[in-house]
Structures are given as C-alpha cells and as structure tokens.
Protein backbone atom coordinates (compact mmCIF):
# COMPACT_ATOMS: atom_id res chain seq x y z
CA UNK A 1 0.00 0.00 0.00
CA UNK A 2 1.49 3.39 -0.97
CA UNK A 3 2.37 5.72 1.89
CA UNK A 4 0.32 8.83 2.63
CA UNK A 5 3.09 10.99 1.21
CA UNK A 6 3.10 8.97 -2.01
CA UNK A 7 -0.67 9.28 -2.33
CA UNK A 8 -0.47 13.02 -1.70
CA UNK A 9 2.20 13.49 -4.37
CA UNK A 10 0.23 11.29 -6.77
CA UNK A 11 -2.91 13.33 -6.14
CA UNK A 12 -1.08 16.58 -6.90
CA UNK A 13 0.44 15.07 -10.04
CA UNK A 14 -2.92 13.84 -11.33
CA UNK A 15 -4.52 17.23 -10.60
CA UNK A 16 -1.83 19.02 -12.61
CA UNK A 17 -2.08 16.49 -15.43
CA UNK A 18 -5.88 16.77 -15.53
CA UNK A 19 -5.66 20.56 -15.62
CA UNK A 20 -3.11 20.39 -18.44
CA UNK A 21 -4.78 17.69 -20.52
CA UNK A 22 -8.47 18.64 -20.21
CA UNK A 23 -8.52 22.43 -20.37
CA UNK A 24 -9.01 24.54 -23.52
CA UNK A 25 -9.85 21.50 -25.62
CA UNK A 26 -11.87 23.76 -27.94
CA UNK A 27 -8.93 26.16 -28.25
CA UNK A 28 -6.07 23.83 -29.19
CA UNK A 29 -6.21 22.09 -31.55
CA UNK A 30 -8.00 24.99 -33.15
CA UNK A 31 -10.56 22.96 -35.13
CA UNK A 32 -11.95 19.45 -35.31
CA UNK A 33 -10.35 17.37 -38.03
CA UNK A 34 -12.56 15.30 -40.32
CA UNK A 35 -12.13 11.98 -38.47
CA UNK A 36 -12.93 13.65 -35.15
CA UNK A 37 -16.22 14.86 -36.62
CA UNK A 38 -16.98 11.37 -37.96
CA UNK A 39 -16.48 9.76 -34.54
CA UNK A 40 -18.49 12.52 -32.88
CA UNK A 41 -21.49 12.23 -35.18
CA UNK A 42 -21.66 8.50 -34.49
CA UNK A 43 -21.46 9.17 -30.75
CA UNK A 44 -24.15 11.85 -30.92
CA UNK A 45 -26.45 9.45 -32.75
CA UNK A 46 -25.87 6.71 -30.14
CA UNK A 47 -26.38 9.16 -27.27
CA UNK A 48 -29.65 10.38 -28.77
CA UNK A 49 -31.19 7.10 -29.95
CA UNK A 50 -28.91 4.16 -29.15
CA UNK A 51 -28.35 3.69 -32.88
CA UNK A 52 -25.49 4.58 -35.19
CA UNK A 53 -25.85 6.89 -38.18
CA UNK A 54 -26.90 3.88 -40.29
CA UNK A 55 -29.67 2.98 -37.85
CA UNK A 56 -28.03 -0.09 -36.23
CA UNK A 57 -28.83 -0.58 -32.55
CA UNK A 58 -25.68 -0.53 -30.36
CA UNK A 59 -23.37 -1.98 -33.04
CA UNK A 60 -19.95 -3.49 -32.39
CA UNK A 61 -18.40 -1.39 -35.18
CA UNK A 62 -19.74 1.82 -36.68
CA UNK A 63 -19.87 1.62 -40.46
CA UNK A 64 -20.31 4.71 -42.60
CA UNK A 65 -19.97 5.75 -46.22
CA UNK A 66 -16.29 5.80 -47.11
CA UNK A 67 -15.27 3.48 -44.27
CA UNK A 68 -17.49 0.43 -44.45
CA UNK A 69 -15.38 -1.80 -42.10
CA UNK A 70 -16.49 0.41 -39.24
CA UNK A 71 -14.96 2.81 -36.76
CA UNK A 72 -13.47 1.73 -33.44
CA UNK A 73 -16.31 1.36 -30.92
CA UNK A 74 -14.75 2.15 -27.53
CA UNK A 75 -14.13 5.83 -28.22
CA UNK A 76 -17.62 6.25 -29.69
CA UNK A 77 -19.32 4.71 -26.68
CA UNK A 78 -17.13 6.82 -24.36
CA UNK A 79 -18.14 9.95 -26.26
CA UNK A 80 -21.79 8.87 -26.21
CA UNK A 81 -21.66 8.58 -22.42
CA UNK A 82 -20.21 12.08 -22.21
CA UNK A 83 -22.88 13.43 -24.54
CA UNK A 84 -25.59 12.01 -22.31
CA UNK A 85 -24.65 14.66 -19.74
CA UNK A 86 -22.93 17.33 -21.85
CA UNK A 87 -24.22 19.22 -24.89
CA UNK A 88 -22.55 18.43 -28.20
CA UNK A 89 -19.45 20.60 -28.59
CA UNK A 90 -15.80 20.36 -29.55
CA UNK A 91 -14.78 20.19 -25.91
CA UNK A 92 -17.35 17.53 -25.03
CA UNK A 93 -16.22 15.11 -27.76
CA UNK A 94 -12.52 15.53 -26.91
CA UNK A 95 -12.98 15.28 -23.16
CA UNK A 96 -13.22 11.43 -22.94
CA UNK A 97 -9.86 11.03 -24.70
CA UNK A 98 -8.23 13.63 -22.43
CA UNK A 99 -9.62 11.85 -19.36
CA UNK A 100 -8.26 8.60 -20.75
CA UNK A 101 -4.83 10.24 -20.92
CA UNK A 102 -5.08 11.13 -17.22
CA UNK A 103 -6.18 7.56 -16.43
CA UNK A 104 -3.13 6.22 -18.28
CA UNK A 105 -0.88 8.36 -16.07
CA UNK A 106 -2.48 6.79 -12.98
CA UNK A 107 -2.09 3.29 -14.41
CA UNK A 108 1.55 4.02 -15.25
CA UNK A 109 2.14 4.83 -11.58
CA UNK A 110 0.65 1.47 -10.57
CA UNK A 111 2.66 -0.45 -13.17
CA UNK A 112 5.92 1.36 -12.46
CA UNK A 113 5.50 0.85 -8.73
CA UNK A 114 4.90 -2.87 -9.21
CA UNK A 115 7.67 -3.46 -11.77
CA UNK A 116 10.39 -1.63 -9.84
CA UNK A 117 8.95 -2.18 -6.34
CA UNK A 118 9.40 1.45 -5.31
CA UNK A 119 6.74 4.14 -4.84
CA UNK A 120 9.06 6.90 -6.01
CA UNK A 121 9.85 5.07 -9.25
CA UNK A 122 6.13 4.64 -9.88
CA UNK A 123 5.68 8.40 -9.46
CA UNK A 124 8.57 9.11 -11.82
CA UNK A 125 7.08 6.74 -14.41
CA UNK A 126 3.70 8.49 -14.19
CA UNK A 127 5.32 11.92 -14.49
CA UNK A 128 7.42 10.86 -17.48
CA UNK A 129 4.37 9.55 -19.34
CA UNK A 130 2.55 12.79 -18.56
CA UNK A 131 5.30 14.91 -20.17
CA UNK A 132 5.77 12.60 -23.15
CA UNK A 133 4.88 14.77 -26.19
CA UNK A 134 3.10 12.08 -28.22
CA UNK A 135 0.96 11.11 -25.25
CA UNK A 136 -0.08 14.71 -24.53
CA UNK A 137 -0.81 15.70 -28.13
CA UNK A 138 -2.83 12.59 -28.98
CA UNK A 139 -4.74 12.68 -25.68
CA UNK A 140 -6.35 15.96 -26.79
CA UNK A 141 -7.86 14.58 -30.00
CA UNK A 142 -11.24 12.90 -30.40
CA UNK A 143 -9.50 9.97 -32.08
CA UNK A 144 -9.00 6.36 -31.05
CA UNK A 145 -5.24 5.94 -31.63
CA UNK A 146 -4.34 6.59 -27.96
CA UNK A 147 -7.01 4.24 -26.59
CA UNK A 148 -4.85 1.07 -26.60
CA UNK A 149 -2.48 2.57 -23.99
CA UNK A 150 -4.61 1.97 -20.85
CA UNK A 151 -5.45 -1.57 -21.99
CA UNK A 152 -1.75 -2.34 -22.37
CA UNK A 153 -1.04 -0.88 -18.94
CA UNK A 154 -3.79 -2.96 -17.31
CA UNK A 155 -2.36 -6.06 -19.02
CA UNK A 156 1.13 -5.28 -17.70
CA UNK A 157 -0.25 -4.56 -14.24
CA UNK A 158 -2.02 -7.93 -14.15
CA UNK A 159 1.16 -9.68 -15.27
CA UNK A 160 3.08 -8.14 -12.37
CA UNK A 161 0.68 -9.87 -9.97
CA UNK A 162 1.26 -13.17 -11.75
CA UNK A 163 5.02 -12.88 -11.19
CA UNK A 164 4.56 -12.54 -7.42
CA UNK A 165 4.25 -16.29 -7.08
CA UNK A 166 6.45 -18.97 -8.62
CA UNK A 167 4.23 -22.05 -8.87
CA UNK A 168 5.58 -25.54 -9.28
CA UNK A 169 4.97 -27.47 -12.47
CA UNK A 170 2.13 -29.37 -10.78
CA UNK A 171 0.45 -26.43 -9.07
CA UNK A 172 -2.72 -24.85 -10.43
CA UNK A 173 -3.09 -21.04 -10.31
CA UNK A 174 -4.51 -19.76 -7.01
CA UNK A 175 -7.63 -17.58 -6.82
CA UNK A 176 -5.82 -14.22 -6.82
CA UNK A 177 -3.42 -15.31 -9.52
CA UNK A 178 -6.27 -16.69 -11.62
CA UNK A 179 -8.08 -13.34 -11.31
CA UNK A 180 -4.94 -11.53 -12.50
CA UNK A 181 -4.63 -13.91 -15.45
CA UNK A 182 -8.26 -13.44 -16.47
CA UNK A 183 -7.82 -9.67 -16.08
CA UNK A 184 -4.76 -9.72 -18.36
CA UNK A 185 -6.63 -11.75 -21.00
CA UNK A 186 -9.75 -9.60 -20.77
CA UNK A 187 -7.72 -6.43 -21.12
CA UNK A 188 -6.09 -7.70 -24.29
CA UNK A 189 -9.41 -8.98 -25.64
CA UNK A 190 -11.26 -5.74 -24.93
CA UNK A 191 -8.27 -3.77 -26.24
CA UNK A 192 -8.91 -5.21 -29.69
CA UNK A 193 -11.85 -2.79 -29.93
CA UNK A 194 -9.79 0.25 -28.95
CA UNK A 195 -8.02 0.81 -32.28
CA UNK A 196 -7.84 -1.10 -35.56
CA UNK A 197 -4.07 -1.74 -35.24
CA UNK A 198 -4.82 -3.75 -32.10
CA UNK A 199 -6.18 -6.53 -34.32
CA UNK A 200 -2.46 -7.18 -34.86
CA UNK A 201 -0.92 -6.02 -31.59
CA UNK A 202 -3.23 -7.51 -28.93
CA UNK A 203 -2.97 -11.11 -30.25
CA UNK A 204 0.79 -10.56 -30.38
CA UNK A 205 0.81 -9.58 -26.70
CA UNK A 206 -1.33 -12.63 -25.97
CA UNK A 207 1.29 -14.87 -27.60
CA UNK A 208 3.97 -13.09 -25.57
CA UNK A 209 1.95 -13.69 -22.40
CA UNK A 210 1.52 -17.37 -23.24
CA UNK A 211 5.28 -17.74 -23.75
CA UNK A 212 5.96 -15.88 -20.51
CA UNK A 213 3.52 -18.06 -18.55
CA UNK A 214 4.48 -21.37 -20.18
CA UNK A 215 7.96 -21.03 -18.74
CA UNK A 216 6.45 -20.82 -15.26
CA UNK A 217 3.90 -23.63 -14.98
CA UNK A 218 3.89 -25.46 -18.30
CA UNK A 219 0.59 -24.17 -19.58
CA UNK A 220 -1.84 -24.14 -16.64
CA UNK A 221 -1.85 -20.35 -16.53
CA UNK A 222 -1.92 -20.12 -20.31
CA UNK A 223 -5.37 -21.70 -20.43
CA UNK A 224 -6.69 -19.14 -17.96
CA UNK A 225 -5.38 -16.09 -19.83
CA UNK A 226 -6.67 -17.54 -23.12
CA UNK A 227 -10.09 -17.88 -21.53
CA UNK A 228 -10.03 -14.21 -20.49
CA UNK A 229 -9.01 -13.16 -24.00
CA UNK A 230 -11.70 -15.34 -25.60
CA UNK A 231 -14.40 -13.76 -23.45
CA UNK A 232 -13.13 -10.30 -24.42
CA UNK A 233 -13.34 -10.91 -28.17
CA UNK A 234 -16.78 -12.57 -28.25
CA UNK A 235 -18.38 -9.44 -29.79
CA UNK A 236 -15.67 -9.40 -32.49
CA UNK A 237 -16.35 -13.03 -33.43
CA UNK A 238 -20.09 -12.43 -33.56
CA UNK A 239 -19.66 -9.30 -35.70
CA UNK A 240 -17.42 -11.05 -38.21
CA UNK A 241 -19.95 -13.89 -38.51
CA UNK A 242 -22.69 -11.32 -39.07
CA UNK A 243 -20.58 -9.24 -41.50
CA UNK A 244 -17.97 -11.61 -43.00
CA UNK A 245 -16.75 -9.06 -45.55
CA UNK A 246 -15.31 -6.78 -42.84
CA UNK A 247 -11.92 -8.49 -42.88
CA UNK A 248 -11.57 -8.26 -46.66
CA UNK A 249 -12.60 -4.60 -46.51
CA UNK A 250 -9.88 -3.90 -43.93
CA UNK A 251 -7.31 -5.69 -46.09
CA UNK A 252 -8.35 -3.59 -49.08
CA UNK A 253 -8.42 -0.24 -47.25
CA UNK A 254 -5.05 -0.73 -45.57
CA UNK A 255 -3.40 -2.34 -48.64
CA UNK A 256 -2.15 -5.30 -46.62
CA UNK A 257 -1.54 -7.54 -49.64
CA UNK A 258 -0.70 -5.05 -52.37
CA UNK A 259 2.63 -6.58 -53.33
CA UNK A 260 4.70 -3.99 -51.48
CA UNK A 261 8.34 -5.19 -51.27
CA UNK A 262 9.50 -6.64 -47.96
CA UNK A 263 12.32 -4.10 -47.82
CA UNK A 264 9.74 -1.28 -47.67
CA UNK A 265 8.08 -2.88 -44.68
CA UNK A 266 11.45 -3.37 -42.99
CA UNK A 267 12.26 0.28 -43.65
CA UNK A 268 9.19 1.21 -41.59
CA UNK A 269 10.76 -0.48 -38.57
CA UNK A 270 14.09 1.20 -39.28
CA UNK A 271 12.43 4.63 -39.56
CA UNK A 272 10.54 4.14 -36.31
CA UNK A 273 13.71 3.45 -34.34
CA UNK A 274 15.56 6.43 -35.81
CA UNK A 275 16.56 9.01 -33.16
CA UNK A 276 14.87 11.74 -35.19
CA UNK A 277 11.48 10.05 -35.02
CA UNK A 278 11.68 8.95 -31.39
CA UNK A 279 13.44 11.90 -29.77
CA UNK A 280 13.82 14.94 -32.06
CA UNK A 281 11.10 15.72 -34.63
CA UNK A 282 8.49 13.03 -34.22
CA UNK A 283 5.87 12.11 -36.78
CA UNK A 284 5.44 14.13 -39.96
CA UNK A 285 1.67 14.45 -39.49
CA UNK A 286 1.02 17.93 -38.14
CA UNK A 287 -2.28 16.82 -36.62
CA UNK A 288 -0.47 14.37 -34.31
CA UNK A 289 2.85 16.09 -33.69
CA UNK A 290 4.08 19.64 -33.16
CA UNK A 291 7.34 18.72 -34.96
CA UNK A 292 9.23 20.53 -32.18
CA UNK A 293 9.79 17.30 -30.22
CA UNK A 294 10.02 13.60 -30.84
CA UNK A 295 7.60 10.93 -29.79
CA UNK A 296 9.41 10.77 -26.43
CA UNK A 297 11.30 13.51 -24.55
CA UNK A 298 14.85 14.07 -25.76
CA UNK A 299 16.16 12.88 -22.37
CA UNK A 300 14.86 9.41 -23.23
CA UNK A 301 17.53 9.17 -25.92
CA UNK A 302 19.94 8.62 -23.01
CA UNK A 303 17.65 6.91 -20.51
CA UNK A 304 15.94 4.43 -22.81
CA UNK A 305 19.05 2.59 -24.09
CA UNK A 306 20.44 2.38 -20.54
CA UNK A 307 17.15 1.01 -19.26
CA UNK A 308 16.75 -1.42 -22.17
CA UNK A 309 20.23 -2.80 -21.52
CA UNK A 310 19.54 -3.42 -17.86
CA UNK A 311 16.08 -4.85 -18.51
CA UNK A 312 17.73 -7.32 -20.88
CA UNK A 313 20.08 -8.27 -18.03
CA UNK A 314 17.10 -9.12 -15.84
CA UNK A 315 16.97 -6.03 -13.63
CA UNK A 316 13.15 -6.07 -13.49
CA UNK A 317 12.83 -9.84 -13.62
CA UNK A 318 10.78 -11.67 -16.21
CA UNK A 319 8.46 -8.68 -16.74
CA UNK A 320 11.47 -6.77 -18.06
CA UNK A 321 11.62 -9.12 -21.05
CA UNK A 322 7.94 -8.42 -21.72
CA UNK A 323 8.60 -4.65 -21.68
CA UNK A 324 11.53 -5.02 -24.07
CA UNK A 325 9.55 -7.23 -26.44
CA UNK A 326 6.69 -4.71 -26.42
CA UNK A 327 9.06 -1.88 -27.33
CA UNK A 328 10.82 -3.82 -30.08
CA UNK A 329 7.55 -4.94 -31.72
CA UNK A 330 5.78 -1.56 -31.45
CA UNK A 331 6.10 -0.73 -35.19
CA UNK A 332 4.78 -4.11 -36.32
CA UNK A 333 1.26 -2.91 -37.25
CA UNK A 334 2.78 -0.07 -39.27
CA UNK A 335 5.16 -2.49 -40.96
CA UNK A 336 2.24 -4.74 -41.92
CA UNK A 337 0.51 -1.79 -43.57
CA UNK A 338 3.78 -0.65 -45.17
CA UNK A 339 3.68 2.91 -43.84
CA UNK A 340 5.00 4.51 -40.66
CA UNK A 341 1.98 6.11 -39.02
CA UNK A 342 1.99 7.63 -35.54
CA UNK A 343 -1.50 6.28 -34.91
CA UNK A 344 -0.24 2.70 -35.27
CA UNK A 345 2.86 3.06 -33.08
CA UNK A 346 1.42 4.79 -30.01
CA UNK A 347 1.37 1.33 -28.42
CA UNK A 348 5.09 2.00 -27.85
CA UNK A 349 4.35 4.66 -25.20
CA UNK A 350 4.01 2.39 -22.12
CA UNK A 351 7.02 0.26 -23.07
CA UNK A 352 9.23 3.21 -23.97
CA UNK A 353 8.47 5.07 -20.75
CA UNK A 354 9.07 1.94 -18.64
CA UNK A 355 12.38 1.32 -20.42
CA UNK A 356 13.45 4.92 -19.76
CA UNK A 357 12.40 4.64 -16.11
CA UNK A 358 14.47 1.46 -15.82
CA UNK A 359 17.39 3.64 -16.86
CA UNK A 360 16.48 6.25 -14.24
CA UNK A 361 16.13 3.61 -11.54
CA UNK A 362 19.54 2.15 -12.41
CA UNK A 363 21.26 5.55 -12.34
CA UNK A 364 19.60 6.58 -9.06
CA UNK A 365 20.84 3.37 -7.47
CA UNK A 366 24.46 4.20 -8.32
CA UNK A 367 26.80 5.06 -5.46
CA UNK A 368 28.25 8.07 -7.26
CA UNK A 369 26.43 11.30 -6.55
CA UNK A 370 27.28 12.73 -9.98
CA UNK A 371 25.48 9.86 -11.71
CA UNK A 372 22.43 10.23 -9.50
CA UNK A 373 22.36 13.97 -10.22
CA UNK A 374 22.62 13.21 -13.94
CA UNK A 375 19.49 11.08 -13.73
CA UNK A 376 17.60 13.87 -11.97
CA UNK A 377 18.91 16.43 -14.46
CA UNK A 378 17.61 14.32 -17.36
CA UNK A 379 14.18 14.09 -15.74
CA UNK A 380 14.22 17.83 -15.18
CA UNK A 381 15.13 18.37 -18.82
CA UNK A 382 12.09 16.30 -19.86
CA UNK A 383 9.84 18.56 -17.79
CA UNK A 384 11.42 21.73 -19.22
CA UNK A 385 11.06 20.39 -22.74
CA UNK A 386 7.39 19.69 -22.09
CA UNK A 387 6.89 23.30 -20.98
CA UNK A 388 8.32 24.45 -24.30
CA UNK A 389 6.15 21.96 -26.22
CA UNK A 390 3.05 23.13 -24.33
CA UNK A 391 3.79 26.80 -25.02
CA UNK A 392 4.22 26.07 -28.72
CA UNK A 393 1.11 23.88 -28.74
CA UNK A 394 -1.07 26.65 -27.33
CA UNK A 395 0.57 29.29 -29.52
CA UNK A 396 2.33 28.97 -32.91
CA UNK A 397 1.35 25.34 -33.45
CA UNK A 398 -2.33 26.17 -32.97
CA UNK A 399 -2.19 28.64 -35.87
CA UNK A 400 0.22 26.69 -38.07
CA UNK A 401 -1.81 23.48 -37.87
CA UNK A 402 -5.15 25.10 -38.76
CA UNK A 403 -5.21 23.97 -42.43
CA UNK A 404 -4.38 20.40 -41.38
CA UNK A 405 -7.47 20.37 -39.18
CA UNK A 406 -9.77 21.19 -42.08
CA UNK A 407 -9.69 24.97 -41.98
CA UNK A 408 -12.30 27.26 -40.50
CA UNK A 409 -15.35 25.25 -41.54
CA UNK A 410 -16.75 26.03 -38.08
CA UNK A 411 -17.04 29.75 -38.85
CA UNK A 412 -18.45 29.09 -42.33
CA UNK A 413 -21.20 26.82 -41.00
CA UNK A 414 -21.89 29.10 -38.03
CA UNK A 415 -22.36 32.05 -40.40
CA UNK A 416 -24.87 30.09 -42.48
CA UNK A 417 -26.75 29.09 -39.33
CA UNK A 418 -26.80 32.72 -38.17
CA UNK A 419 -28.34 33.81 -41.45
CA UNK A 420 -30.86 30.95 -41.18
CA UNK A 421 -32.34 32.07 -37.86
CA UNK A 422 -36.12 32.23 -38.18
CA UNK A 423 -36.01 31.10 -41.81
CA UNK A 424 -34.90 28.01 -43.71
CA UNK A 425 -33.31 29.18 -46.97
CA UNK A 426 -31.92 26.54 -49.35
CA UNK A 427 -28.29 25.87 -48.47
CA UNK A 428 -25.73 24.53 -50.96
CA UNK A 429 -22.53 22.78 -49.88
CA UNK A 430 -19.72 21.43 -52.05
CA UNK A 431 -20.12 17.68 -52.61
CA UNK A 432 -16.36 17.29 -53.12
CA UNK A 433 -15.39 18.48 -49.64
CA UNK A 434 -16.06 17.08 -46.14
CA UNK A 435 -18.02 20.19 -45.13
CA UNK A 436 -21.19 18.07 -45.03
CA UNK A 437 -19.94 16.44 -41.84
CA UNK A 438 -19.07 19.79 -40.26
CA UNK A 439 -22.50 21.09 -41.21
CA UNK A 440 -24.24 18.24 -39.40
CA UNK A 441 -22.00 18.59 -36.34
CA UNK A 442 -22.40 22.34 -35.88
CA UNK A 443 -26.10 22.31 -36.79
CA UNK A 444 -26.71 19.74 -34.03
CA UNK A 445 -24.37 21.56 -31.64
CA UNK A 446 -26.23 24.80 -32.32
CA UNK A 447 -29.60 23.25 -31.53
CA UNK A 448 -30.70 23.25 -35.16
CA UNK A 449 -31.41 19.56 -35.68
CA UNK A 450 -34.05 20.66 -38.20
CA UNK A 451 -31.25 21.90 -40.46
CA UNK A 452 -28.83 18.98 -40.03
CA UNK A 453 -30.09 17.18 -43.15
CA UNK A 454 -31.32 20.30 -44.94
CA UNK A 455 -28.53 21.31 -47.41
CA UNK A 456 -28.24 20.40 -51.07
CA UNK A 457 -24.82 19.09 -52.07
CA UNK A 458 -23.66 20.42 -55.41
CA UNK A 459 -20.95 19.21 -57.77
CA UNK A 460 -18.95 22.26 -59.00
CA UNK A 461 -18.38 20.57 -62.35
CA UNK A 462 -22.10 20.30 -63.05
CA UNK A 463 -23.54 23.17 -61.03
CA UNK A 464 -25.77 25.65 -62.86
CA UNK A 465 -25.57 28.95 -61.02
CA UNK A 466 -28.98 30.19 -62.16
CA UNK A 467 -31.05 27.26 -60.92
CA UNK A 468 -31.17 27.79 -57.10
CA UNK A 469 -34.03 29.84 -55.67
CA UNK A 470 -33.62 33.48 -54.68
CA UNK A 471 -32.15 33.86 -51.21
CA UNK A 472 -30.28 30.56 -51.32
CA UNK A 473 -26.98 30.40 -49.45
CA UNK A 474 -23.88 28.65 -50.80
CA UNK A 475 -20.56 27.85 -49.13
CA UNK A 476 -17.50 27.68 -51.36
CA UNK A 477 -14.10 26.50 -50.17
CA UNK A 478 -11.54 28.89 -51.65
CA UNK A 479 -8.70 26.37 -51.54
CA UNK A 480 -10.60 24.09 -53.96
CA UNK A 481 -10.21 26.67 -56.75
CA UNK A 482 -13.81 26.47 -58.01
CA UNK A 483 -15.22 29.69 -56.57
CA UNK A 484 -14.75 31.35 -59.96
CA UNK A 485 -18.26 30.14 -60.75
CA UNK A 486 -19.62 32.88 -58.52
CA UNK A 487 -18.14 36.03 -60.04
CA UNK A 488 -19.86 39.39 -60.06
CA UNK A 489 -21.38 38.42 -63.39
CA UNK A 490 -23.17 35.46 -61.84
CA UNK A 491 -26.49 35.76 -59.97
CA UNK A 492 -24.72 35.41 -56.59
CA UNK A 493 -23.55 38.04 -54.10
CA UNK A 494 -20.52 37.52 -51.88
CA UNK A 495 -21.94 38.13 -48.40
CA UNK A 496 -19.11 36.90 -46.18
CA UNK A 497 -15.49 35.73 -46.34
CA UNK A 498 -14.16 33.38 -43.69
CA UNK A 499 -10.49 33.69 -42.76
CA UNK A 500 -7.95 31.54 -40.96
CA UNK A 501 -6.04 32.70 -37.85
CA UNK A 502 -3.16 33.87 -40.05
CA UNK A 503 -5.56 36.10 -42.01
CA UNK A 504 -5.71 34.01 -45.17
CA UNK A 505 -9.26 33.56 -46.58
CA UNK A 506 -10.51 29.97 -46.69
CA UNK A 507 -14.29 30.01 -47.27
CA UNK A 508 -16.68 32.31 -49.10
CA UNK A 509 -20.41 32.56 -48.44
CA UNK A 510 -22.63 33.58 -51.35
CA UNK A 511 -26.35 34.44 -51.54
CA UNK A 512 -28.53 34.06 -54.62
CA UNK A 513 -29.84 37.43 -55.72
C-alpha cells in the first residue's frame, strides 16, 4: 500500500495532469479534423437514440460511407456517455480522450510501482508519461489511436501480480493469480476494440503472455489467460460472422496484400527506431505532432538505451523481457501496412516510458552522486522540454496546424446558421469536400437539428448557377479553386469571407440574388 506521502504526491500530479490535458480542448487544436467529426457524429447518434448513423442498434463497429469496415467502438461509446450529460461541442467530444490520458498516467504509476517495487519510481514513471509529447498531443484529439495505452497498462499490471508467485509445475493457479490472469486476458481482448491496429498487436501480446507463462507452470496459466481473451473478443467473433466481408474490406483499405516489397516494410521499422522520429522531430503528421519534439522527450535518448540494456540483463525480472519485447515490436502494425503512421505506433508509449524509467532507476541506485544527479537532471530536462512543447502547442502550433485540421469550416457553418435564424433558406454545400460532416456537427451543436439534413450538395463541375431559388446560401471552399463560378457576373452576391487565424481567406459565403 502506498504511503500517505506517495498518495499526496500522486494526487497533486494527477490534478496538474488533468488541468493540463483537459482544459481549452476547444482552443487547441484549433478545429476538429474530419475523423474527429466522424467519430463525434456517431457518438451523438448513439447518445440520442442508441443507434449509429446507419440505424443499427448498439453496433460493435460503426460503419459509414467511405469506411465500411467500421470505426473503433470504444471511443464512440465513451463519447456517447459524455454526450448524455454534456451538450454536443468540440470540448465535449474531446474530453473522454483527455480523461483517458489522465487515467493512463495513474495506471503508469501502478505499473511502475509494481515493476520496480518502489513508490518513487512509480511516481517518476507516471510523471514521465505525462510529459511525453506524443501522449499529450494525442490525448487531446477525439480519435482512437491513444485508446490502446490503458489496456496495455492494465495487461502489464495484471502480469506483475502473476510474477509474485512462482508455482511448481504441478500447481494450479490460485484464486488471486487466476483473477490476474483473467484480467490480463480480458484487457487484451477488450483492447482489440480500442483501435484497428490492435487486431495485430493484442494477439501478439497474448502470444507473448503465453510464452511468458508457459515457462512458469507449463501451460496451466496459459489456459486461464486464453479464456479471459476469448471472453473479451466474443463481440468481435459475432460481428465477423454477421458481416464476414469486414476483414476483406480492412485488407483492401489498408493495402495489406498489395505486393509492397518486404524491404519497404522493414524500412518502416528502421524509420521508427531512428533518433529523429523517437526523440527529435516526431511524426510528420502535423495533426499528431508539433514537430518541435520527438515521440518521447529528448532525455529518453539517453535513458531508454540504458534502461533497455539493464532490462535485458534481468533487472526487473521476467516482466522486463515483456517490456523489451513490447518496445521492439511496437512498429509491427505499421510495418504490416507498409507505412510509418503515428496512430499505429502509439502502443510504444508504455514500453518506452518503462524502459526509460528502468534507466532512471539504475542511475539513481548508483553510489556516485554525480550519476544520481545526472538522472535527476535528465528528468528535469524532460519537464522543461514539455513546458516548451506546451507553449508552442497553445501558440504557434495552434495557428500553423489550422489547415491540417480542415480549416475554419466552423465559422463558415456558423455564419450560415446565423443567417438561417427564423427562416430556412436553401443551403448549398460542395459535394467534393467534407463540409457536409461539419454542417451536421455544428447544426446539431447549435440546436438546429431541423437543419442537419437540410442542405443540397452540389458538384462544382455540373452546377448551374442560375437554378437555385432566390435567397439561397452557398458555401464555397476557396482552396478548392472552383469559386470562380460565382463572379460578379453570376447571380450570386458575396456576403461573407471566412479567414484563418493567419488572415488568409478559406471560405466564401454567397447568396442568390
């Protein structure tokens, strides 16, 4: 049981993390990206009626036009629960993911404390995860890529309880140990529904668990953890029986068997383990990285190799091998798809942080004061780097990333809704852009459910400017280059121009005269 001082420090840490992760969610990132809107509309539909946007009652996966295999369910149900008590808004749909990030910090404390058998090391592990750039940035998005992290941490936590006892080859697992085994299996089974890449990673961790347990009691524990996993994936089995084409759709969408050379898939692994990706610049996707820091703090470039070396030498016991294996296999899902994608490698976060903390724990145990001070200095540097990342995230990054988050569709839709108060003029939206989704989101968020399905979607290549009725409103995305249809010679007046934070115009609103 942690001491009162440990609990007090943990409480302060979680308060600070919650304040950092959950505040100003509607400010930074500046807009909702398209996939965030897609998840949110599914969640709003479930919260309102218990059905997805296709009318299915409480489905396992949420299919929609353009992504028939279905969106990951756990985030949608988490958002739906939030929307049962909160009105639809940008902050409300991002809040469950931010809370999940805080929960992962708590779980990291529990895992670190168990693995290294010291309260202070558990606190350091929790703090390091909290200041890890990739964890912070992706915990503020209404996306499912960060959702595997707590499931992995629960699995690791359960495994630490299994290692407490060394059974003989003829001994069956005791009640507490059996509960831990079932918990580990359930966590992996349920984690399959957290993100699509977990269809690869969670079975891999199950195989790792089976190997780890087989060495201890020749298979008795393996049967128990397999049972837990089987129970967890029952909905998946049922769904694939009901919709057998889901697997082939996933294969097609992610190009799993497109003849890509093996060397390209190996290069994905090589790129992931490059210092630039892990510790300096991070992922190239502006929506998931500020590009001012790597996936992990720069200090981990020193701590992680030291920790990995000592984990390999058995410093944390058998669980150390599990941590190392998890870190080394983190890019596997990306390698299978043939493309390095931050969403598919966030499973590395728990393993990377634990490896770095193993390095900290080793250095702090050294007899030389200079080495101990070096460990503390590296941890301090991680905190200082996070302060810089946070300042950039709430400042320059917020403005710079605006186009990557879909541009100011919010203001364009809001302006149309403002001009539709008390009336319902025909509204035209570009069929070739995702603004239809933003329209539905902001119409519902603005209490105008009557307008959510109201617009007409036009194709700029076939649109006849003289056909719409007088008073009709039309939104044109300037970056698409087709707003030349609505010149002063056409029967449309420019009534509003929507600009981005840097002052560049992005949308134009026209009215039929």
